[in-house]
Amino acid sequence: MNIGLIGCGMWGRNLARNLAQLEVLAAVADRHTENAAEFGSAFAAKPVDVDTLIHDQSIDGIVIATAAPSHDALAIAALAAGKHVYVEKPLSLSLDGAKAIQDAAHATKKQVMVGHLIRYHAAFIELQKQLAAGAIGSLRHVQANRLAMGRIRNTESVLFDLCPHDLSLILALIGSLPTKIYCAGASHMTPNIVDFLTSFMGFENGVSAGMQTSWLSPFKEHRMTVTGTAGSLVFDDTKPWPEKLTLFQDQMRLNDEHFIIDRASPITLPVPEAEPLKDEMRAFIQACETGKPAPTDIDEAIMVQQVLETMQNQLVDTSAAPSNHQPVRSK
């Protein structure tokens, strides 16, 4: 199995490291030839230009880790060349672009996998198992907070940079698309590029979901709280492995006009320590070998893209950054 990587940037380095450790990285390419040369030396892979990599008949699959605006053209070209394709999130910046990739995948009968990384996290997989086993009763609400300081982009907002991760998780847990979406944000660093985002979704089965997203938070929070009729599961990816997944089985009961809450001691659930990105790359290798879809295949990606498109269309941007990036002072 030979995999090629297009995009020798910060995240591309993580992908290259894992592909090299799995002994499948054959070639690397980047629009800056010096970056490809450095990756080639660091990971024992052949540095080539992008077009050469795409049309190399010895390459079985291509991993795309470039800027989001380039995803459509690169993915479609790789599919046309007979390659299975992995695309870092977001798959595209538009639903039309995502569907064009889907059409190309169907036409060439090749697999497309999207980098919704947390779907391959051992703690999330265990959370899915606990939910299916009835550990918290029937699902009622999913709350996902993804906050941090840094990696501010000026080509895509937090909607497309951060929300795909949590949307993929939410849709996997609930199993359907939302019927109602409310979305508001603010652009403080770059005009029309939202860096704070709050969203709320309603589903036909009565389940609800919310997301708080920002890359301007002074603290890091990657936490998902899944609430049911008999308790909650909390997946906190900032905690050490033994504490990443916690079960709360608090009980609420009505006494006349008042609710009484019986608190229970939280239970940390064991999760085998693993590297999610390596497990994700293993899933892509398997998709290349078997031709069978991964959990985050093109159909799953289209569902996420549909929600992103609706959120983008309904987004209320409550502010806009001044053109000189100076703070606004009240008079």
C-alpha atoms as a PDB file:
ATOM      1  CA  MET A   1       0.000   0.000   0.000  1.00  0.00           C
ATOM      2  CA  ASN A   2       1.449   3.339  -1.107  1.00  0.00           C
ATOM      3  CA  ILE A   3      -0.028   6.610   0.170  1.00  0.00           C
ATOM      4  CA  GLY A   4       0.875  10.086  -1.037  1.00  0.00           C
ATOM      5  CA  LEU A   5       0.490  13.289   0.984  1.00  0.00           C
ATOM      6  CA  ILE A   6      -0.342  16.692  -0.502  1.00  0.00           C
ATOM      7  CA  GLY A   7       0.209  19.535   1.967  1.00  0.00           C
ATOM      8  CA  CYS A   8       3.415  19.760   3.984  1.00  0.00           C
ATOM      9  CA  GLY A   9       2.254  22.167   6.668  1.00  0.00           C
ATOM     10  CA  MET A  10       1.736  21.924  10.422  1.00  0.00           C
ATOM     11  CA  TRP A  11      -1.081  19.363  10.345  1.00  0.00           C
ATOM     12  CA  GLY A  12       0.421  17.629   7.337  1.00  0.00           C
ATOM     13  CA  ARG A  13       3.441  16.863   9.521  1.00  0.00           C
ATOM     14  CA  ASN A  14       1.241  14.924  11.959  1.00  0.00           C
ATOM     15  CA  LEU A  15      -0.327  12.984   9.095  1.00  0.00           C
ATOM     16  CA  ALA A  16       3.075  12.267   7.547  1.00  0.00           C
ATOM     17  CA  ARG A  17       4.459  11.024  10.872  1.00  0.00           C
ATOM     18  CA  ASN A  18       1.623   8.544  11.339  1.00  0.00           C
ATOM     19  CA  LEU A  19       1.653   7.361   7.721  1.00  0.00           C
ATOM     20  CA  ALA A  20       5.416   6.845   7.945  1.00  0.00           C
ATOM     21  CA  GLN A  21       5.070   4.894  11.181  1.00  0.00           C
ATOM     22  CA  LEU A  22       2.463   2.714   9.464  1.00  0.00           C
ATOM     23  CA  GLU A  23       5.004   2.195   6.640  1.00  0.00           C
ATOM     24  CA  VAL A  24       2.760   3.415   3.810  1.00  0.00           C
ATOM     25  CA  LEU A  25       4.026   6.949   3.081  1.00  0.00           C
ATOM     26  CA  ALA A  26       5.583   6.839  -0.379  1.00  0.00           C
ATOM     27  CA  ALA A  27       5.611  10.442  -1.627  1.00  0.00           C
ATOM     28  CA  VAL A  28       4.928  13.999  -0.474  1.00  0.00           C
ATOM     29  CA  ALA A  29       4.062  17.174  -2.384  1.00  0.00           C
ATOM     30  CA  ASP A  30       3.505  20.828  -1.601  1.00  0.00           C
ATOM     31  CA  ARG A  31       3.187  24.023  -3.640  1.00  0.00           C
ATOM     32  CA  HIS A  32       6.379  25.109  -1.862  1.00  0.00           C
ATOM     33  CA  THR A  33       9.008  22.648  -3.082  1.00  0.00           C
ATOM     34  CA  GLU A  34      11.266  23.307  -0.087  1.00  0.00           C
ATOM     35  CA  ASN A  35       8.520  22.080   2.258  1.00  0.00           C
ATOM     36  CA  ALA A  36       8.135  18.851   0.281  1.00  0.00           C
ATOM     37  CA  ALA A  37      11.916  18.361   0.302  1.00  0.00           C
ATOM     38  CA  GLU A  38      12.059  18.781   4.081  1.00  0.00           C
ATOM     39  CA  PHE A  39       9.187  16.309   4.595  1.00  0.00           C
ATOM     40  CA  GLY A  40      10.815  13.860   2.196  1.00  0.00           C
ATOM     41  CA  SER A  41      13.993  13.908   4.232  1.00  0.00           C
ATOM     42  CA  ALA A  42      12.210  13.736   7.590  1.00  0.00           C
ATOM     43  CA  PHE A  43       9.858  10.875   6.678  1.00  0.00           C
ATOM     44  CA  ALA A  44      11.817   8.901   4.065  1.00  0.00           C
ATOM     45  CA  ALA A  45       9.365   9.737   1.284  1.00  0.00           C
ATOM     46  CA  LYS A  46       9.885  10.899  -2.287  1.00  0.00           C
ATOM     47  CA  PRO A  47       9.315  14.683  -2.703  1.00  0.00           C
ATOM     48  CA  VAL A  48       7.504  15.463  -5.969  1.00  0.00           C
ATOM     49  CA  ASP A  49       5.245  18.150  -7.402  1.00  0.00           C
ATOM     50  CA  VAL A  50       1.489  17.905  -6.903  1.00  0.00           C
ATOM     51  CA  ASP A  51       0.616  16.892 -10.471  1.00  0.00           C
ATOM     52  CA  THR A  52       3.250  14.160 -10.504  1.00  0.00           C
ATOM     53  CA  LEU A  53       1.935  12.742  -7.229  1.00  0.00           C
ATOM     54  CA  ILE A  54      -1.666  12.730  -8.429  1.00  0.00           C
ATOM     55  CA  HIS A  55      -0.791  10.824 -11.614  1.00  0.00           C
ATOM     56  CA  ASP A  56       1.764   8.417 -10.102  1.00  0.00           C
ATOM     57  CA  GLN A  57       0.359   4.963 -10.914  1.00  0.00           C
ATOM     58  CA  SER A  58       2.149   3.396  -7.952  1.00  0.00           C
ATOM     59  CA  ILE A  59       0.145   5.509  -5.481  1.00  0.00           C
ATOM     60  CA  ASP A  60      -3.056   3.877  -4.154  1.00  0.00           C
ATOM     61  CA  GLY A  61      -4.429   6.714  -2.028  1.00  0.00           C
ATOM     62  CA  ILE A  62      -3.837  10.416  -1.536  1.00  0.00           C
ATOM     63  CA  VAL A  63      -4.133  12.368   1.718  1.00  0.00           C
ATOM     64  CA  ILE A  64      -4.993  16.056   1.174  1.00  0.00           C
ATOM     65  CA  ALA A  65      -3.962  18.436   3.978  1.00  0.00           C
ATOM     66  CA  THR A  66      -3.957  21.761   2.148  1.00  0.00           C
ATOM     67  CA  ALA A  67      -5.914  24.989   2.716  1.00  0.00           C
ATOM     68  CA  ALA A  68      -9.672  24.444   2.540  1.00  0.00           C
ATOM     69  CA  PRO A  69     -10.272  26.472  -0.670  1.00  0.00           C
ATOM     70  CA  SER A  70      -8.083  24.010  -2.602  1.00  0.00           C
ATOM     71  CA  HIS A  71      -9.852  20.829  -1.485  1.00  0.00           C
ATOM     72  CA  ASP A  72     -12.448  20.596  -4.271  1.00  0.00           C
ATOM     73  CA  ALA A  73     -10.042  20.740  -7.204  1.00  0.00           C
ATOM     74  CA  LEU A  74      -7.397  18.490  -5.622  1.00  0.00           C
ATOM     75  CA  ALA A  75      -9.855  15.812  -4.505  1.00  0.00           C
ATOM     76  CA  ILE A  76     -11.603  15.665  -7.879  1.00  0.00           C
ATOM     77  CA  ALA A  77      -8.268  15.492  -9.734  1.00  0.00           C
ATOM     78  CA  ALA A  78      -7.035  12.678  -7.470  1.00  0.00           C
ATOM     79  CA  LEU A  79     -10.265  10.709  -7.944  1.00  0.00           C
ATOM     80  CA  ALA A  80     -10.087  11.179 -11.719  1.00  0.00           C
ATOM     81  CA  ALA A  81      -6.566   9.744 -11.565  1.00  0.00           C
ATOM     82  CA  GLY A  82      -7.955   6.584  -9.927  1.00  0.00           C
ATOM     83  CA  LYS A  83      -6.908   7.280  -6.336  1.00  0.00           C
ATOM     84  CA  HIS A  84      -8.789   6.794  -3.094  1.00  0.00           C
ATOM     85  CA  VAL A  85      -8.822  10.142  -1.284  1.00  0.00           C
ATOM     86  CA  TYR A  86      -8.651  11.378   2.294  1.00  0.00           C
ATOM     87  CA  VAL A  87      -9.474  15.085   2.732  1.00  0.00           C
ATOM     88  CA  GLU A  88      -8.828  17.009   5.928  1.00  0.00           C
ATOM     89  CA  LYS A  89     -11.905  18.804   7.245  1.00  0.00           C
ATOM     90  CA  PRO A  90     -13.707  20.719   6.011  1.00  0.00           C
ATOM     91  CA  LEU A  91     -14.336  18.607   2.926  1.00  0.00           C
ATOM     92  CA  SER A  92     -15.320  21.789   1.097  1.00  0.00           C
ATOM     93  CA  LEU A  93     -16.391  25.360   1.793  1.00  0.00           C
ATOM     94  CA  SER A  94     -19.708  24.810  -0.015  1.00  0.00           C
ATOM     95  CA  LEU A  95     -22.306  22.090  -0.400  1.00  0.00           C
ATOM     96  CA  ASP A  96     -21.984  22.327  -4.195  1.00  0.00           C
ATOM     97  CA  GLY A  97     -18.253  21.689  -3.906  1.00  0.00           C
ATOM     98  CA  ALA A  98     -18.815  18.726  -1.585  1.00  0.00           C
ATOM     99  CA  LYS A  99     -21.393  17.223  -3.946  1.00  0.00           C
ATOM    100  CA  ALA A 100     -18.991  17.634  -6.885  1.00  0.00           C
ATOM    101  CA  ILE A 101     -16.469  15.528  -4.945  1.00  0.00           C
ATOM    102  CA  GLN A 102     -19.210  12.995  -4.161  1.00  0.00           C
ATOM    103  CA  ASP A 103     -20.148  12.786  -7.862  1.00  0.00           C
ATOM    104  CA  ALA A 104     -16.505  12.217  -8.785  1.00  0.00           C
ATOM    105  CA  ALA A 105     -16.203   9.461  -6.155  1.00  0.00           C
ATOM    106  CA  HIS A 106     -19.286   7.684  -7.476  1.00  0.00           C
ATOM    107  CA  ALA A 107     -18.130   8.047 -11.096  1.00  0.00           C
ATOM    108  CA  THR A 108     -14.696   6.588 -10.362  1.00  0.00           C
ATOM    109  CA  LYS A 109     -15.913   4.060  -7.765  1.00  0.00           C
ATOM    110  CA  LYS A 110     -13.254   5.261  -5.343  1.00  0.00           C
ATOM    111  CA  GLN A 111     -13.545   5.942  -1.631  1.00  0.00           C
ATOM    112  CA  VAL A 112     -13.467   9.430  -0.138  1.00  0.00           C
ATOM    113  CA  MET A 113     -12.800   9.759   3.578  1.00  0.00           C
ATOM    114  CA  VAL A 114     -12.973  13.035   5.504  1.00  0.00           C
ATOM    115  CA  GLY A 115     -10.824  13.932   8.517  1.00  0.00           C
ATOM    116  CA  HIS A 116     -13.489  14.019  11.209  1.00  0.00           C
ATOM    117  CA  LEU A 117     -10.783  12.853  13.583  1.00  0.00           C
ATOM    118  CA  ILE A 118     -12.700  12.524  16.856  1.00  0.00           C
ATOM    119  CA  ARG A 119     -14.946   9.811  15.401  1.00  0.00           C
ATOM    120  CA  TYR A 120     -11.862   7.563  15.729  1.00  0.00           C
ATOM    121  CA  HIS A 121     -11.098   8.562  19.322  1.00  0.00           C
ATOM    122  CA  ALA A 122     -11.298   5.605  21.703  1.00  0.00           C
ATOM    123  CA  ALA A 123     -13.193   7.683  24.299  1.00  0.00           C
ATOM    124  CA  PHE A 124     -15.888   8.667  21.796  1.00  0.00           C
ATOM    125  CA  ILE A 125     -16.215   5.084  20.578  1.00  0.00           C
ATOM    126  CA  GLU A 126     -16.691   3.952  24.187  1.00  0.00           C
ATOM    127  CA  LEU A 127     -19.234   6.759  24.706  1.00  0.00           C
ATOM    128  CA  GLN A 128     -21.229   5.426  21.738  1.00  0.00           C
ATOM    129  CA  LYS A 129     -21.157   1.936  23.262  1.00  0.00           C
ATOM    130  CA  GLN A 130     -22.319   3.218  26.662  1.00  0.00           C
ATOM    131  CA  LEU A 131     -25.159   5.187  25.065  1.00  0.00           C
ATOM    132  CA  ALA A 132     -26.269   2.174  23.013  1.00  0.00           C
ATOM    133  CA  ALA A 133     -26.192   0.001  26.145  1.00  0.00           C
ATOM    134  CA  GLY A 134     -28.596   2.378  27.927  1.00  0.00           C
ATOM    135  CA  ALA A 135     -26.133   3.721  30.510  1.00  0.00           C
ATOM    136  CA  ILE A 136     -27.911   7.118  30.559  1.00  0.00           C
ATOM    137  CA  GLY A 137     -31.347   6.059  29.349  1.00  0.00           C
ATOM    138  CA  SER A 138     -32.825   7.739  26.283  1.00  0.00           C
ATOM    139  CA  LEU A 139     -30.786  10.518  24.662  1.00  0.00           C
ATOM    140  CA  ARG A 140     -32.070  14.051  25.262  1.00  0.00           C
ATOM    141  CA  HIS A 141     -29.293  16.626  24.590  1.00  0.00           C
ATOM    142  CA  VAL A 142     -25.734  16.849  23.288  1.00  0.00           C
ATOM    143  CA  GLN A 143     -23.591  19.865  24.177  1.00  0.00           C
ATOM    144  CA  ALA A 144     -20.217  20.309  22.469  1.00  0.00           C
ATOM    145  CA  ASN A 145     -17.749  23.028  23.480  1.00  0.00           C
ATOM    146  CA  ARG A 146     -14.588  23.492  21.393  1.00  0.00           C
ATOM    147  CA  LEU A 147     -12.633  26.513  22.639  1.00  0.00           C
ATOM    148  CA  ALA A 148      -8.948  27.408  22.475  1.00  0.00           C
ATOM    149  CA  MET A 149      -6.537  30.253  21.830  1.00  0.00           C
ATOM    150  CA  GLY A 150      -4.794  30.298  18.492  1.00  0.00           C
ATOM    151  CA  ARG A 151      -4.625  28.878  14.966  1.00  0.00           C
ATOM    152  CA  ILE A 152      -6.702  31.849  13.830  1.00  0.00           C
ATOM    153  CA  ARG A 153      -7.471  31.626  10.113  1.00  0.00           C
ATOM    154  CA  ASN A 154      -8.424  34.281   7.575  1.00  0.00           C
ATOM    155  CA  THR A 155      -9.615  31.913   4.829  1.00  0.00           C
ATOM    156  CA  GLU A 156     -12.307  30.060   6.783  1.00  0.00           C
ATOM    157  CA  SER A 157     -14.286  30.778   9.945  1.00  0.00           C
ATOM    158  CA  VAL A 158     -14.629  28.660  13.086  1.00  0.00           C
ATOM    159  CA  LEU A 159     -17.790  27.317  11.450  1.00  0.00           C
ATOM    160  CA  PHE A 160     -15.747  25.450   8.837  1.00  0.00           C
ATOM    161  CA  ASP A 161     -12.527  25.036  10.833  1.00  0.00           C
ATOM    162  CA  LEU A 162     -13.853  23.699  14.150  1.00  0.00           C
ATOM    163  CA  CYS A 163     -17.547  22.829  13.876  1.00  0.00           C
ATOM    164  CA  PRO A 164     -17.150  19.851  11.479  1.00  0.00           C
ATOM    165  CA  HIS A 165     -15.574  17.821  14.297  1.00  0.00           C
ATOM    166  CA  ASP A 166     -18.491  18.242  16.673  1.00  0.00           C
ATOM    167  CA  LEU A 167     -21.169  18.089  13.981  1.00  0.00           C
ATOM    168  CA  SER A 168     -19.807  14.712  12.939  1.00  0.00           C
ATOM    169  CA  LEU A 169     -20.043  13.486  16.547  1.00  0.00           C
ATOM    170  CA  ILE A 170     -23.522  14.930  17.096  1.00  0.00           C
ATOM    171  CA  LEU A 171     -24.946  13.413  13.914  1.00  0.00           C
ATOM    172  CA  ALA A 172     -23.362  10.049  14.739  1.00  0.00           C
ATOM    173  CA  LEU A 173     -24.997  10.044  18.187  1.00  0.00           C
ATOM    174  CA  ILE A 174     -28.442  11.283  17.125  1.00  0.00           C
ATOM    175  CA  GLY A 175     -28.618   9.491  13.787  1.00  0.00           C
ATOM    176  CA  SER A 176     -30.480  12.123  11.778  1.00  0.00           C
ATOM    177  CA  LEU A 177     -30.203  15.647  10.420  1.00  0.00           C
ATOM    178  CA  PRO A 178     -31.574  18.559  12.480  1.00  0.00           C
ATOM    179  CA  THR A 179     -34.922  20.036  11.553  1.00  0.00           C
ATOM    180  CA  LYS A 180     -34.220  23.389  13.250  1.00  0.00           C
ATOM    181  CA  ILE A 181     -30.958  25.322  13.375  1.00  0.00           C
ATOM    182  CA  TYR A 182     -30.161  28.610  15.117  1.00  0.00           C
ATOM    183  CA  CYS A 183     -26.714  30.110  14.671  1.00  0.00           C
ATOM    184  CA  ALA A 184     -25.101  33.380  15.780  1.00  0.00           C
ATOM    185  CA  GLY A 185     -21.515  34.545  15.917  1.00  0.00           C
ATOM    186  CA  ALA A 186     -19.124  37.466  15.867  1.00  0.00           C
ATOM    187  CA  SER A 187     -16.174  38.493  13.678  1.00  0.00           C
ATOM    188  CA  HIS A 188     -13.548  40.279  15.763  1.00  0.00           C
ATOM    189  CA  MET A 189     -10.272  39.520  13.959  1.00  0.00           C
ATOM    190  CA  THR A 190     -11.217  39.511  10.259  1.00  0.00           C
ATOM    191  CA  PRO A 191     -14.377  40.988   8.696  1.00  0.00           C
ATOM    192  CA  ASN A 192     -16.953  38.314   7.870  1.00  0.00           C
ATOM    193  CA  ILE A 193     -14.757  35.525   9.299  1.00  0.00           C
ATOM    194  CA  VAL A 194     -16.582  34.450  12.454  1.00  0.00           C
ATOM    195  CA  ASP A 195     -14.323  33.654  15.402  1.00  0.00           C
ATOM    196  CA  PHE A 196     -17.029  33.188  18.072  1.00  0.00           C
ATOM    197  CA  LEU A 197     -19.990  30.932  17.306  1.00  0.00           C
ATOM    198  CA  THR A 198     -23.015  29.704  19.226  1.00  0.00           C
ATOM    199  CA  SER A 199     -25.442  27.269  17.639  1.00  0.00           C
ATOM    200  CA  PHE A 200     -28.478  25.258  18.658  1.00  0.00           C
ATOM    201  CA  MET A 201     -30.208  22.435  16.824  1.00  0.00           C
ATOM    202  CA  GLY A 202     -33.474  20.566  17.192  1.00  0.00           C
ATOM    203  CA  PHE A 203     -34.245  17.101  15.838  1.00  0.00           C
ATOM    204  CA  GLU A 204     -37.485  15.322  14.941  1.00  0.00           C
ATOM    205  CA  ASN A 205     -37.136  12.826  17.799  1.00  0.00           C
ATOM    206  CA  GLY A 206     -37.105  15.655  20.364  1.00  0.00           C
ATOM    207  CA  VAL A 207     -33.358  15.513  20.957  1.00  0.00           C
ATOM    208  CA  SER A 208     -31.492  18.835  20.980  1.00  0.00           C
ATOM    209  CA  ALA A 209     -27.853  19.787  20.527  1.00  0.00           C
ATOM    210  CA  GLY A 210     -25.720  22.877  21.033  1.00  0.00           C
ATOM    211  CA  MET A 211     -22.193  24.008  20.178  1.00  0.00           C
ATOM    212  CA  GLN A 212     -19.955  26.725  21.601  1.00  0.00           C
ATOM    213  CA  THR A 213     -16.967  27.348  19.351  1.00  0.00           C
ATOM    214  CA  SER A 214     -14.094  29.846  19.350  1.00  0.00           C
ATOM    215  CA  TRP A 215     -10.377  30.173  18.683  1.00  0.00           C
ATOM    216  CA  LEU A 216     -10.119  33.297  20.891  1.00  0.00           C
ATOM    217  CA  SER A 217     -10.677  31.604  24.260  1.00  0.00           C
ATOM    218  CA  PRO A 218      -7.980  32.147  26.940  1.00  0.00           C
ATOM    219  CA  PHE A 219      -8.464  28.506  28.008  1.00  0.00           C
ATOM    220  CA  LYS A 220      -8.771  25.241  26.130  1.00  0.00           C
ATOM    221  CA  GLU A 221     -11.984  23.268  26.352  1.00  0.00           C
ATOM    222  CA  HIS A 222     -12.744  20.235  24.200  1.00  0.00           C
ATOM    223  CA  ARG A 223     -15.721  18.757  26.012  1.00  0.00           C
ATOM    224  CA  MET A 224     -18.878  16.963  24.957  1.00  0.00           C
ATOM    225  CA  THR A 225     -21.719  16.360  27.423  1.00  0.00           C
ATOM    226  CA  VAL A 226     -24.323  13.799  26.390  1.00  0.00           C
ATOM    227  CA  THR A 227     -27.443  13.946  28.577  1.00  0.00           C
ATOM    228  CA  GLY A 228     -30.121  11.284  28.801  1.00  0.00           C
ATOM    229  CA  THR A 229     -33.152  10.443  30.895  1.00  0.00           C
ATOM    230  CA  ALA A 230     -31.025   8.568  33.464  1.00  0.00           C
ATOM    231  CA  GLY A 231     -27.754  10.485  33.569  1.00  0.00           C
ATOM    232  CA  SER A 232     -24.981  11.982  31.463  1.00  0.00           C
ATOM    233  CA  LEU A 233     -21.737  10.975  29.785  1.00  0.00           C
ATOM    234  CA  VAL A 234     -18.949  13.576  29.626  1.00  0.00           C
ATOM    235  CA  PHE A 235     -16.074  13.235  27.154  1.00  0.00           C
ATOM    236  CA  ASP A 236     -13.357  15.745  28.071  1.00  0.00           C
ATOM    237  CA  ASP A 237     -10.410  15.442  25.709  1.00  0.00           C
ATOM    238  CA  THR A 238      -8.247  17.822  27.759  1.00  0.00           C
ATOM    239  CA  LYS A 239      -8.152  15.350  30.674  1.00  0.00           C
ATOM    240  CA  PRO A 240      -5.583  12.554  31.114  1.00  0.00           C
ATOM    241  CA  TRP A 241      -6.584   9.252  29.519  1.00  0.00           C
ATOM    242  CA  PRO A 242      -7.927   7.665  32.722  1.00  0.00           C
ATOM    243  CA  GLU A 243     -10.289  10.663  33.145  1.00  0.00           C
ATOM    244  CA  LYS A 244     -11.429  11.380  29.588  1.00  0.00           C
ATOM    245  CA  LEU A 245     -14.830   9.689  29.896  1.00  0.00           C
ATOM    246  CA  THR A 246     -17.055  10.070  32.960  1.00  0.00           C
ATOM    247  CA  LEU A 247     -20.511   8.679  33.728  1.00  0.00           C
ATOM    248  CA  PHE A 248     -22.925  10.724  35.854  1.00  0.00           C
ATOM    249  CA  GLN A 249     -26.056   8.939  37.080  1.00  0.00           C
ATOM    250  CA  ASP A 250     -27.823  11.740  38.933  1.00  0.00           C
ATOM    251  CA  GLN A 251     -31.553  11.212  39.281  1.00  0.00           C
ATOM    252  CA  MET A 252     -34.304  13.862  39.047  1.00  0.00           C
ATOM    253  CA  ARG A 253     -37.815  13.297  40.348  1.00  0.00           C
ATOM    254  CA  LEU A 254     -40.873  15.470  40.729  1.00  0.00           C
ATOM    255  CA  ASN A 255     -42.199  16.041  44.245  1.00  0.00           C
ATOM    256  CA  ASP A 256     -45.430  18.018  44.014  1.00  0.00           C
ATOM    257  CA  GLU A 257     -44.353  21.243  42.297  1.00  0.00           C
ATOM    258  CA  HIS A 258     -40.617  20.828  42.804  1.00  0.00           C
ATOM    259  CA  PHE A 259     -37.909  18.671  41.270  1.00  0.00           C
ATOM    260  CA  ILE A 260     -35.616  16.830  43.641  1.00  0.00           C
ATOM    261  CA  ILE A 261     -32.150  15.941  42.395  1.00  0.00           C
ATOM    262  CA  ASP A 262     -30.355  12.927  43.876  1.00  0.00           C
ATOM    263  CA  ARG A 263     -26.641  13.349  43.139  1.00  0.00           C
ATOM    264  CA  ALA A 264     -24.446  10.315  42.618  1.00  0.00           C
ATOM    265  CA  SER A 265     -20.670  10.044  42.628  1.00  0.00           C
ATOM    266  CA  PRO A 266     -19.278  10.297  39.084  1.00  0.00           C
ATOM    267  CA  ILE A 267     -17.722   7.159  37.623  1.00  0.00           C
ATOM    268  CA  THR A 268     -14.661   7.375  35.365  1.00  0.00           C
ATOM    269  CA  LEU A 269     -14.920   4.791  32.608  1.00  0.00           C
ATOM    270  CA  PRO A 270     -11.789   2.982  31.423  1.00  0.00           C
ATOM    271  CA  VAL A 271     -10.709   3.785  27.877  1.00  0.00           C
ATOM    272  CA  PRO A 272      -7.735   2.114  26.180  1.00  0.00           C
ATOM    273  CA  GLU A 273      -5.061   4.710  25.420  1.00  0.00           C
ATOM    274  CA  ALA A 274      -4.542   5.178  21.697  1.00  0.00           C
ATOM    275  CA  GLU A 275      -3.566   7.797  19.125  1.00  0.00           C
ATOM    276  CA  PRO A 276      -6.761   8.820  17.290  1.00  0.00           C
ATOM    277  CA  LEU A 277      -4.893  10.117  14.255  1.00  0.00           C
ATOM    278  CA  LYS A 278      -3.072   6.812  13.792  1.00  0.00           C
ATOM    279  CA  ASP A 279      -6.374   4.928  14.098  1.00  0.00           C
ATOM    280  CA  GLU A 280      -7.877   7.308  11.539  1.00  0.00           C
ATOM    281  CA  MET A 281      -5.023   6.648   9.111  1.00  0.00           C
ATOM    282  CA  ARG A 282      -5.480   2.905   9.664  1.00  0.00           C
ATOM    283  CA  ALA A 283      -9.121   3.361   8.644  1.00  0.00           C
ATOM    284  CA  PHE A 284      -8.047   5.136   5.454  1.00  0.00           C
ATOM    285  CA  ILE A 285      -5.529   2.407   4.623  1.00  0.00           C
ATOM    286  CA  GLN A 286      -8.274  -0.187   5.111  1.00  0.00           C
ATOM    287  CA  ALA A 287     -10.608   1.785   2.824  1.00  0.00           C
ATOM    288  CA  CYS A 288      -7.866   1.810   0.164  1.00  0.00           C
ATOM    289  CA  GLU A 289      -7.229  -1.918   0.563  1.00  0.00           C
ATOM    290  CA  THR A 290     -10.848  -3.060   0.586  1.00  0.00           C
ATOM    291  CA  GLY A 291     -12.697  -0.357  -1.324  1.00  0.00           C
ATOM    292  CA  LYS A 292     -15.211  -0.271   1.532  1.00  0.00           C
ATOM    293  CA  PRO A 293     -16.306   3.019   3.164  1.00  0.00           C
ATOM    294  CA  ALA A 294     -14.867   4.275   6.436  1.00  0.00           C
ATOM    295  CA  PRO A 295     -17.147   5.666   9.194  1.00  0.00           C
ATOM    296  CA  THR A 296     -16.428   9.195   7.904  1.00  0.00           C
ATOM    297  CA  ASP A 297     -17.030   8.414   4.238  1.00  0.00           C
ATOM    298  CA  ILE A 298     -18.380  10.759   1.573  1.00  0.00           C
ATOM    299  CA  ASP A 299     -22.024  10.201   2.569  1.00  0.00           C
ATOM    300  CA  GLU A 300     -21.289  11.113   6.203  1.00  0.00           C
ATOM    301  CA  ALA A 301     -19.317  14.124   4.999  1.00  0.00           C
ATOM    302  CA  ILE A 302     -22.246  15.341   2.875  1.00  0.00           C
ATOM    303  CA  MET A 303     -24.536  15.223   5.921  1.00  0.00           C
ATOM    304  CA  VAL A 304     -22.059  17.356   7.878  1.00  0.00           C
ATOM    305  CA  GLN A 305     -21.710  19.712   4.894  1.00  0.00           C
ATOM    306  CA  GLN A 306     -25.498  20.113   4.654  1.00  0.00           C
ATOM    307  CA  VAL A 307     -25.642  21.302   8.259  1.00  0.00           C
ATOM    308  CA  LEU A 308     -22.652  23.604   7.733  1.00  0.00           C
ATOM    309  CA  GLU A 309     -24.357  25.144   4.701  1.00  0.00           C
ATOM    310  CA  THR A 310     -27.585  25.766   6.630  1.00  0.00           C
ATOM    311  CA  MET A 311     -25.646  27.249   9.528  1.00  0.00           C
ATOM    312  CA  GLN A 312     -23.735  29.520   7.145  1.00  0.00           C
ATOM    313  CA  ASN A 313     -26.966  30.682   5.473  1.00  0.00           C
ATOM    314  CA  GLN A 314     -28.721  31.332   8.788  1.00  0.00           C
ATOM    315  CA  LEU A 315     -25.725  32.759  10.646  1.00  0.00           C
ATOM    316  CA  VAL A 316     -26.302  36.095  12.311  1.00  0.00           C
ATOM    317  CA  ASP A 317     -22.959  37.918  12.550  1.00  0.00           C
ATOM    318  CA  THR A 318     -23.412  40.333  15.435  1.00  0.00           C
ATOM    319  CA  SER A 319     -20.230  42.305  14.794  1.00  0.00           C
ATOM    320  CA  ALA A 320     -17.531  42.963  12.255  1.00  0.00           C
ATOM    321  CA  ALA A 321     -13.840  43.586  12.798  1.00  0.00           C
ATOM    322  CA  PRO A 322     -12.512  47.070  11.916  1.00  0.00           C
ATOM    323  CA  SER A 323     -10.372  47.019   8.782  1.00  0.00           C
ATOM    324  CA  ASN A 324      -7.260  48.042  10.747  1.00  0.00           C
ATOM    325  CA  HIS A 325      -7.843  45.319  13.397  1.00  0.00           C
ATOM    326  CA  GLN A 326      -7.782  47.937  16.165  1.00  0.00           C
ATOM    327  CA  PRO A 327     -10.142  47.485  19.121  1.00  0.00           C
ATOM    328  CA  VAL A 328     -13.360  49.481  19.037  1.00  0.00           C
ATOM    329  CA  ARG A 329     -13.533  52.084  21.823  1.00  0.00           C
ATOM    330  CA  SER A 330     -16.818  53.481  23.020  1.00  0.00           C
ATOM    331  CA  LYS A 331     -17.212  57.261  23.002  1.00  0.00           C
END
